[in-house]
Structure formats: structure tokens, C-alpha cells
Protein backbone atom coordinates (compact mmCIF):
# COMPACT_ATOMS: atom_id res chain seq x y z
CA MET A 1 13.18 13.52 21.15
CA PHE A 2 12.34 11.44 24.22
CA PHE A 3 12.97 8.27 22.24
CA VAL A 4 16.46 9.43 21.24
CA ILE A 5 17.36 10.25 24.84
CA LEU A 6 15.97 6.95 26.05
CA LYS A 7 17.81 4.99 23.38
CA SER A 8 21.14 6.63 24.15
CA ARG A 9 20.87 6.11 27.91
CA MET A 10 19.33 2.65 28.11
CA LYS A 11 21.24 -0.34 26.87
CA LEU A 12 18.75 -3.18 27.13
CA THR A 13 18.96 -6.75 25.97
CA LYS A 14 16.36 -8.04 23.53
CA LYS A 15 14.46 -9.82 26.33
CA GLN A 16 14.45 -6.67 28.49
CA ARG A 17 13.11 -4.60 25.57
CA GLU A 18 10.34 -7.14 25.00
CA ASN A 19 9.38 -7.06 28.67
CA LEU A 20 9.44 -3.26 28.76
CA GLY A 21 7.25 -3.18 25.67
CA LYS A 22 4.76 -5.55 27.29
CA ILE A 23 4.63 -3.50 30.49
CA VAL A 24 4.02 -0.25 28.63
CA ALA A 25 1.33 -1.93 26.51
CA ASP A 26 -0.34 -3.17 29.69
CA ILE A 27 -0.29 0.35 31.12
CA GLY A 28 -1.94 1.56 27.92
CA LYS A 29 -4.61 -1.12 28.28
CA LEU A 30 -5.27 -0.01 31.85
CA PHE A 31 -5.68 3.61 30.78
CA LEU A 32 -8.00 2.51 28.02
CA ALA A 33 -10.09 0.38 30.35
CA ILE A 34 -10.24 2.72 33.32
CA ILE A 35 -10.46 6.18 31.82
CA VAL A 36 -11.92 5.66 28.36
CA LEU A 37 -14.25 2.68 28.74
CA GLY A 38 -15.07 3.54 32.36
CA GLN A 39 -16.77 6.67 31.09
CA TRP A 40 -19.47 4.56 29.47
CA VAL A 41 -20.17 2.48 32.59
CA SER A 42 -20.04 5.26 35.15
CA PRO A 43 -23.33 6.69 36.37
CA ALA A 44 -21.68 10.15 36.47
CA ASN A 45 -21.81 12.50 33.52
CA PHE A 46 -19.64 11.77 30.51
CA SER A 47 -16.46 13.90 30.50
CA LYS A 48 -15.13 14.62 27.04
CA ASN A 49 -11.80 15.84 28.45
CA LYS A 50 -11.18 12.63 30.42
CA PHE A 51 -12.13 10.55 27.40
CA ILE A 52 -9.70 12.39 25.10
CA PHE A 53 -6.93 12.36 27.73
CA GLY A 54 -7.26 8.61 28.27
CA LEU A 55 -7.37 7.94 24.55
CA ILE A 56 -4.21 9.99 23.97
CA ILE A 57 -2.29 8.40 26.84
CA SER A 58 -3.25 4.86 25.82
CA THR A 59 -2.28 5.59 22.19
CA ILE A 60 1.09 6.97 23.29
CA CYS A 61 1.67 3.86 25.41
CA PHE A 62 0.83 1.52 22.53
CA VAL A 63 3.05 3.40 20.07
CA TYR A 64 5.90 3.48 22.57
CA SER A 65 5.57 -0.26 23.28
CA VAL A 66 5.83 -1.03 19.55
CA PHE A 67 8.85 1.28 19.33
CA VAL A 68 10.57 -0.48 22.25
CA ASP A 69 9.76 -3.96 20.92
CA ARG A 70 11.40 -3.10 17.60
CA GLY A 71 14.54 -2.06 19.42
CA GLY A 72 14.26 1.64 18.78
CA GLU A 73 14.56 1.36 15.02
């Protein structure tokens, strides 16, 4: 539903969609690096909830970036 609302309200050029897709993909990479992979390096105890949360958020960001790059098709 969010994608339909976003598509109807945002009229972006092809270049703007590509840039938005890249930014969202970069945000997903940051979540993956900080929350998910940081769990393995941290001396603190491993948190399953943080790991799952980071994995879900980064997956949503990657899927959304592919959606935006395709032009909302």
C-alpha cells in the first residue's frame, strides 16, 4: 500500500528514481553493517532481536530500492 501512495504522489524523473534507489540501498547497507554485522564484532552479548530487526530493515530497504529503480512497475 505504501508503494501505491508513494507512486501516486511522487512524480520523479528516471535519474531521480535511480538516485533515490541508490540512497535507499545505501541505507540498507548501513543497517546491515551496523546492526547485523556489528553484533558479531561487539564484545557485548548477542541480541537476537536486534539481529532480526536489522535484517528485516535492510531487506525492506533493498527491496524498496529495486522497486524504485524499476520505476514502480
